[in-house]
């Protein structure tokens, strides 16, 4: 079979999440920053550091009026 004749696989069929855009970034912050993130994570009951960082960024954006 010629590769030009093969039907494309839909992203959902391939097991990829199409609703979120994921990127790989490295965040270099001080140890005290990560300690604060861990405290937020523990106090709010988040499952991982990503949720704690999202919480901080989203709430700051709401306070600044750039997110509704």
PDB file of N, CA and C in Angstrom:
ATOM      1  N   UNK A   1       0.846  -1.174   0.000  1.00  0.00           N
ATOM      2  CA  UNK A   1       0.000   0.000   0.000  1.00  0.00           C
ATOM      3  C   UNK A   1       0.894   1.241   0.000  1.00  0.00           C
ATOM      4  N   UNK A   2       0.569   2.171  -0.807  1.00  0.00           N
ATOM      5  CA  UNK A   2       1.318   3.424  -0.915  1.00  0.00           C
ATOM      6  C   UNK A   2       0.998   4.315   0.281  1.00  0.00           C
ATOM      7  N   UNK A   3       2.010   4.997   0.812  1.00  0.00           N
ATOM      8  CA  UNK A   3       1.778   5.833   1.995  1.00  0.00           C
ATOM      9  C   UNK A   3       0.832   6.991   1.711  1.00  0.00           C
ATOM     10  N   UNK A   4       0.650   7.353   0.458  1.00  0.00           N
ATOM     11  CA  UNK A   4      -0.276   8.421   0.119  1.00  0.00           C
ATOM     12  C   UNK A   4      -1.733   7.956   0.155  1.00  0.00           C
ATOM     13  N   UNK A   5      -1.941   6.659   0.131  1.00  0.00           N
ATOM     14  CA  UNK A   5      -3.294   6.105   0.121  1.00  0.00           C
ATOM     15  C   UNK A   5      -3.806   5.790   1.520  1.00  0.00           C
ATOM     16  N   UNK A   6      -2.958   5.823   2.517  1.00  0.00           N
ATOM     17  CA  UNK A   6      -3.357   5.470   3.872  1.00  0.00           C
ATOM     18  C   UNK A   6      -4.223   6.575   4.456  1.00  0.00           C
ATOM     19  N   UNK A   7      -5.326   6.189   5.079  1.00  0.00           N
ATOM     20  CA  UNK A   7      -6.226   7.148   5.711  1.00  0.00           C
ATOM     21  C   UNK A   7      -5.594   7.655   7.005  1.00  0.00           C
ATOM     22  N   UNK A   8      -5.687   8.957   7.288  1.00  0.00           N
ATOM     23  CA  UNK A   8      -5.109   9.489   8.523  1.00  0.00           C
ATOM     24  C   UNK A   8      -5.864   8.992   9.750  1.00  0.00           C
ATOM     25  N   UNK A   9      -5.158   8.858  10.844  1.00  0.00           N
ATOM     26  CA  UNK A   9      -5.769   8.453  12.102  1.00  0.00           C
ATOM     27  C   UNK A   9      -6.231   9.699  12.835  1.00  0.00           C
ATOM     28  N   UNK A  10      -7.465   9.690  13.259  1.00  0.00           N
ATOM     29  CA  UNK A  10      -8.003  10.822  14.013  1.00  0.00           C
ATOM     30  C   UNK A  10      -7.281  10.881  15.359  1.00  0.00           C
ATOM     31  N   UNK A  11      -7.008  12.081  15.846  1.00  0.00           N
ATOM     32  CA  UNK A  11      -6.232  12.264  17.071  1.00  0.00           C
ATOM     33  C   UNK A  11      -6.830  11.510  18.257  1.00  0.00           C
ATOM     34  N   UNK A  12      -8.148  11.517  18.398  1.00  0.00           N
ATOM     35  CA  UNK A  12      -8.770  10.811  19.518  1.00  0.00           C
ATOM     36  C   UNK A  12      -8.555   9.311  19.398  1.00  0.00           C
ATOM     37  N   UNK A  13      -8.578   8.800  18.189  1.00  0.00           N
ATOM     38  CA  UNK A  13      -8.331   7.380  17.984  1.00  0.00           C
ATOM     39  C   UNK A  13      -6.892   7.019  18.333  1.00  0.00           C
ATOM     40  N   UNK A  14      -5.997   7.957  18.151  1.00  0.00           N
ATOM     41  CA  UNK A  14      -4.594   7.720  18.453  1.00  0.00           C
ATOM     42  C   UNK A  14      -4.312   7.868  19.943  1.00  0.00           C
ATOM     43  N   UNK A  15      -5.312   8.284  20.724  1.00  0.00           N
ATOM     44  CA  UNK A  15      -5.151   8.400  22.160  1.00  0.00           C
ATOM     45  C   UNK A  15      -4.625   9.738  22.628  1.00  0.00           C
ATOM     46  N   UNK A  16      -4.596  10.723  21.759  1.00  0.00           N
ATOM     47  CA  UNK A  16      -4.111  12.049  22.144  1.00  0.00           C
ATOM     48  C   UNK A  16      -5.275  12.907  22.603  1.00  0.00           C
ATOM     49  N   UNK A  17      -5.023  13.711  23.610  1.00  0.00           N
ATOM     50  CA  UNK A  17      -6.033  14.642  24.096  1.00  0.00           C
ATOM     51  C   UNK A  17      -5.999  15.869  23.194  1.00  0.00           C
ATOM     52  N   UNK A  18      -7.123  16.177  22.563  1.00  0.00           N
ATOM     53  CA  UNK A  18      -7.146  17.298  21.619  1.00  0.00           C
ATOM     54  C   UNK A  18      -7.692  18.580  22.233  1.00  0.00           C
ATOM     55  N   UNK A  19      -8.103  18.554  23.501  1.00  0.00           N
ATOM     56  CA  UNK A  19      -8.707  19.733  24.114  1.00  0.00           C
ATOM     57  C   UNK A  19      -7.686  20.648  24.759  1.00  0.00           C
ATOM     58  N   UNK A  20      -6.525  20.151  25.108  1.00  0.00           N
ATOM     59  CA  UNK A  20      -5.512  20.969  25.760  1.00  0.00           C
ATOM     60  C   UNK A  20      -4.253  20.979  24.917  1.00  0.00           C
ATOM     61  N   UNK A  21      -3.591  22.102  24.941  1.00  0.00           N
ATOM     62  CA  UNK A  21      -2.304  22.194  24.273  1.00  0.00           C
ATOM     63  C   UNK A  21      -1.235  22.015  25.334  1.00  0.00           C
ATOM     64  N   UNK A  22      -0.393  21.021  25.141  1.00  0.00           N
ATOM     65  CA  UNK A  22       0.643  20.742  26.118  1.00  0.00           C
ATOM     66  C   UNK A  22       1.983  21.187  25.567  1.00  0.00           C
ATOM     67  N   UNK A  23       2.767  21.776  26.433  1.00  0.00           N
ATOM     68  CA  UNK A  23       4.119  22.184  26.066  1.00  0.00           C
ATOM     69  C   UNK A  23       5.074  21.709  27.136  1.00  0.00           C
ATOM     70  N   UNK A  24       6.303  21.538  26.768  1.00  0.00           N
ATOM     71  CA  UNK A  24       7.329  21.141  27.731  1.00  0.00           C
ATOM     72  C   UNK A  24       8.180  22.356  28.049  1.00  0.00           C
ATOM     73  N   UNK A  25       8.197  22.724  29.296  1.00  0.00           N
ATOM     74  CA  UNK A  25       8.983  23.871  29.747  1.00  0.00           C
ATOM     75  C   UNK A  25       9.739  23.469  31.002  1.00  0.00           C
ATOM     76  N   UNK A  26      10.868  24.083  31.195  1.00  0.00           N
ATOM     77  CA  UNK A  26      11.640  23.894  32.414  1.00  0.00           C
ATOM     78  C   UNK A  26      11.538  25.166  33.234  1.00  0.00           C
ATOM     79  N   UNK A  27      11.131  25.021  34.480  1.00  0.00           N
ATOM     80  CA  UNK A  27      11.009  26.166  35.364  1.00  0.00           C
ATOM     81  C   UNK A  27      12.140  26.086  36.386  1.00  0.00           C
ATOM     82  N   UNK A  28      13.011  27.062  36.347  1.00  0.00           N
ATOM     83  CA  UNK A  28      14.109  27.127  37.318  1.00  0.00           C
ATOM     84  C   UNK A  28      13.786  28.213  38.333  1.00  0.00           C
ATOM     85  N   UNK A  29      13.451  27.789  39.527  1.00  0.00           N
ATOM     86  CA  UNK A  29      13.113  28.722  40.598  1.00  0.00           C
ATOM     87  C   UNK A  29      13.871  28.313  41.852  1.00  0.00           C
ATOM     88  N   UNK A  30      13.896  29.220  42.808  1.00  0.00           N
ATOM     89  CA  UNK A  30      14.601  28.951  44.065  1.00  0.00           C
ATOM     90  C   UNK A  30      13.867  27.878  44.865  1.00  0.00           C
ATOM     91  N   UNK A  31      14.589  27.330  45.817  1.00  0.00           N
ATOM     92  CA  UNK A  31      14.018  26.303  46.673  1.00  0.00           C
ATOM     93  C   UNK A  31      12.837  26.850  47.473  1.00  0.00           C
ATOM     94  N   UNK A  32      12.911  28.109  47.877  1.00  0.00           N
ATOM     95  CA  UNK A  32      11.812  28.697  48.646  1.00  0.00           C
ATOM     96  C   UNK A  32      10.539  28.803  47.802  1.00  0.00           C
ATOM     97  N   UNK A  33      10.683  29.041  46.488  1.00  0.00           N
ATOM     98  CA  UNK A  33       9.521  29.068  45.597  1.00  0.00           C
ATOM     99  C   UNK A  33       8.826  27.715  45.602  1.00  0.00           C
ATOM    100  N   UNK A  34       9.615  26.653  45.438  1.00  0.00           N
ATOM    101  CA  UNK A  34       9.022  25.311  45.397  1.00  0.00           C
ATOM    102  C   UNK A  34       8.436  24.926  46.752  1.00  0.00           C
ATOM    103  N   UNK A  35       9.016  25.436  47.831  1.00  0.00           N
ATOM    104  CA  UNK A  35       8.451  25.190  49.154  1.00  0.00           C
ATOM    105  C   UNK A  35       7.079  25.850  49.275  1.00  0.00           C
ATOM    106  N   UNK A  36       6.949  27.068  48.737  1.00  0.00           N
ATOM    107  CA  UNK A  36       5.646  27.742  48.751  1.00  0.00           C
ATOM    108  C   UNK A  36       4.627  26.990  47.904  1.00  0.00           C
ATOM    109  N   UNK A  37       5.057  26.516  46.746  1.00  0.00           N
ATOM    110  CA  UNK A  37       4.158  25.733  45.885  1.00  0.00           C
ATOM    111  C   UNK A  37       3.696  24.481  46.627  1.00  0.00           C
ATOM    112  N   UNK A  38       4.609  23.834  47.318  1.00  0.00           N
ATOM    113  CA  UNK A  38       4.249  22.628  48.068  1.00  0.00           C
ATOM    114  C   UNK A  38       3.277  22.944  49.201  1.00  0.00           C
ATOM    115  N   UNK A  39       3.451  24.073  49.866  1.00  0.00           N
ATOM    116  CA  UNK A  39       2.523  24.469  50.928  1.00  0.00           C
ATOM    117  C   UNK A  39       1.132  24.741  50.370  1.00  0.00           C
ATOM    118  N   UNK A  40       1.061  25.414  49.224  1.00  0.00           N
ATOM    119  CA  UNK A  40      -0.233  25.660  48.574  1.00  0.00           C
ATOM    120  C   UNK A  40      -0.874  24.329  48.198  1.00  0.00           C
ATOM    121  N   UNK A  41      -0.075  23.444  47.632  1.00  0.00           N
ATOM    122  CA  UNK A  41      -0.574  22.127  47.230  1.00  0.00           C
ATOM    123  C   UNK A  41      -1.149  21.371  48.418  1.00  0.00           C
ATOM    124  N   UNK A  42      -0.454  21.387  49.534  1.00  0.00           N
ATOM    125  CA  UNK A  42      -0.894  20.663  50.728  1.00  0.00           C
ATOM    126  C   UNK A  42      -2.144  21.292  51.328  1.00  0.00           C
ATOM    127  N   UNK A  43      -2.142  22.613  51.481  1.00  0.00           N
ATOM    128  CA  UNK A  43      -3.278  23.283  52.122  1.00  0.00           C
ATOM    129  C   UNK A  43      -4.548  23.229  51.294  1.00  0.00           C
ATOM    130  N   UNK A  44      -4.415  23.283  49.972  1.00  0.00           N
ATOM    131  CA  UNK A  44      -5.589  23.260  49.105  1.00  0.00           C
ATOM    132  C   UNK A  44      -5.968  21.838  48.678  1.00  0.00           C
ATOM    133  N   UNK A  45      -5.108  20.857  48.960  1.00  0.00           N
ATOM    134  CA  UNK A  45      -5.420  19.464  48.625  1.00  0.00           C
ATOM    135  C   UNK A  45      -5.242  19.134  47.148  1.00  0.00           C
ATOM    136  N   UNK A  46      -4.364  19.848  46.466  1.00  0.00           N
ATOM    137  CA  UNK A  46      -4.120  19.567  45.056  1.00  0.00           C
ATOM    138  C   UNK A  46      -3.322  18.286  44.914  1.00  0.00           C
ATOM    139  N   UNK A  47      -3.514  17.582  43.792  1.00  0.00           N
ATOM    140  CA  UNK A  47      -2.830  16.300  43.614  1.00  0.00           C
ATOM    141  C   UNK A  47      -1.374  16.447  43.188  1.00  0.00           C
ATOM    142  N   UNK A  48      -1.007  17.562  42.561  1.00  0.00           N
ATOM    143  CA  UNK A  48       0.384  17.753  42.149  1.00  0.00           C
ATOM    144  C   UNK A  48       0.729  19.236  42.075  1.00  0.00           C
ATOM    145  N   UNK A  49       1.996  19.522  41.821  1.00  0.00           N
ATOM    146  CA  UNK A  49       2.470  20.907  41.794  1.00  0.00           C
ATOM    147  C   UNK A  49       1.858  21.704  40.648  1.00  0.00           C
ATOM    148  N   UNK A  50       1.492  21.040  39.556  1.00  0.00           N
ATOM    149  CA  UNK A  50       0.912  21.752  38.418  1.00  0.00           C
ATOM    150  C   UNK A  50      -0.399  22.425  38.794  1.00  0.00           C
ATOM    151  N   UNK A  51      -1.218  21.722  39.561  1.00  0.00           N
ATOM    152  CA  UNK A  51      -2.484  22.313  40.006  1.00  0.00           C
ATOM    153  C   UNK A  51      -2.243  23.512  40.920  1.00  0.00           C
ATOM    154  N   UNK A  52      -1.237  23.418  41.779  1.00  0.00           N
ATOM    155  CA  UNK A  52      -0.928  24.520  42.689  1.00  0.00           C
ATOM    156  C   UNK A  52      -0.441  25.742  41.917  1.00  0.00           C
ATOM    157  N   UNK A  53       0.407  25.546  40.926  1.00  0.00           N
ATOM    158  CA  UNK A  53       0.894  26.665  40.118  1.00  0.00           C
ATOM    159  C   UNK A  53      -0.246  27.265  39.303  1.00  0.00           C
ATOM    160  N   UNK A  54      -1.091  26.413  38.715  1.00  0.00           N
ATOM    161  CA  UNK A  54      -2.244  26.900  37.956  1.00  0.00           C
ATOM    162  C   UNK A  54      -3.144  27.747  38.851  1.00  0.00           C
ATOM    163  N   UNK A  55      -3.385  27.277  40.071  1.00  0.00           N
ATOM    164  CA  UNK A  55      -4.215  28.004  41.028  1.00  0.00           C
ATOM    165  C   UNK A  55      -3.659  29.408  41.269  1.00  0.00           C
ATOM    166  N   UNK A  56      -2.358  29.495  41.502  1.00  0.00           N
ATOM    167  CA  UNK A  56      -1.735  30.787  41.755  1.00  0.00           C
ATOM    168  C   UNK A  56      -1.804  31.724  40.563  1.00  0.00           C
ATOM    169  N   UNK A  57      -1.515  31.200  39.390  1.00  0.00           N
ATOM    170  CA  UNK A  57      -1.529  32.028  38.181  1.00  0.00           C
ATOM    171  C   UNK A  57      -2.954  32.471  37.857  1.00  0.00           C
ATOM    172  N   UNK A  58      -3.895  31.554  37.919  1.00  0.00           N
ATOM    173  CA  UNK A  58      -5.286  31.876  37.575  1.00  0.00           C
ATOM    174  C   UNK A  58      -5.867  32.915  38.543  1.00  0.00           C
ATOM    175  N   UNK A  59      -5.630  32.743  39.837  1.00  0.00           N
ATOM    176  CA  UNK A  59      -6.173  33.694  40.806  1.00  0.00           C
ATOM    177  C   UNK A  59      -5.508  35.054  40.696  1.00  0.00           C
ATOM    178  N   UNK A  60      -4.232  35.086  40.383  1.00  0.00           N
ATOM    179  CA  UNK A  60      -3.561  36.381  40.169  1.00  0.00           C
ATOM    180  C   UNK A  60      -4.141  37.073  38.937  1.00  0.00           C
ATOM    181  N   UNK A  61      -4.390  36.309  37.884  1.00  0.00           N
ATOM    182  CA  UNK A  61      -4.980  36.889  36.664  1.00  0.00           C
ATOM    183  C   UNK A  61      -6.378  37.438  36.964  1.00  0.00           C
ATOM    184  N   UNK A  62      -7.153  36.748  37.780  1.00  0.00           N
ATOM    185  CA  UNK A  62      -8.473  37.243  38.157  1.00  0.00           C
ATOM    186  C   UNK A  62      -8.354  38.539  38.955  1.00  0.00           C
ATOM    187  N   UNK A  63      -7.392  38.592  39.877  1.00  0.00           N
ATOM    188  CA  UNK A  63      -7.186  39.803  40.684  1.00  0.00           C
ATOM    189  C   UNK A  63      -6.785  40.990  39.817  1.00  0.00           C
ATOM    190  N   UNK A  64      -6.009  40.742  38.769  1.00  0.00           N
ATOM    191  CA  UNK A  64      -5.559  41.793  37.864  1.00  0.00           C
ATOM    192  C   UNK A  64      -6.630  42.173  36.828  1.00  0.00           C
ATOM    193  N   UNK A  65      -7.696  41.393  36.749  1.00  0.00           N
ATOM    194  CA  UNK A  65      -8.765  41.687  35.820  1.00  0.00           C
ATOM    195  C   UNK A  65      -8.507  41.228  34.398  1.00  0.00           C
ATOM    196  N   UNK A  66      -7.536  40.345  34.216  1.00  0.00           N
ATOM    197  CA  UNK A  66      -7.251  39.864  32.852  1.00  0.00           C
ATOM    198  C   UNK A  66      -7.863  38.493  32.579  1.00  0.00           C
ATOM    199  N   UNK A  67      -8.527  37.947  33.577  1.00  0.00           N
ATOM    200  CA  UNK A  67      -9.238  36.672  33.438  1.00  0.00           C
ATOM    201  C   UNK A  67     -10.556  36.815  34.170  1.00  0.00           C
ATOM    202  N   UNK A  68     -11.612  36.293  33.572  1.00  0.00           N
ATOM    203  CA  UNK A  68     -12.925  36.415  34.226  1.00  0.00           C
ATOM    204  C   UNK A  68     -13.313  35.157  34.952  1.00  0.00           C
TER     205      UNK A  68
END
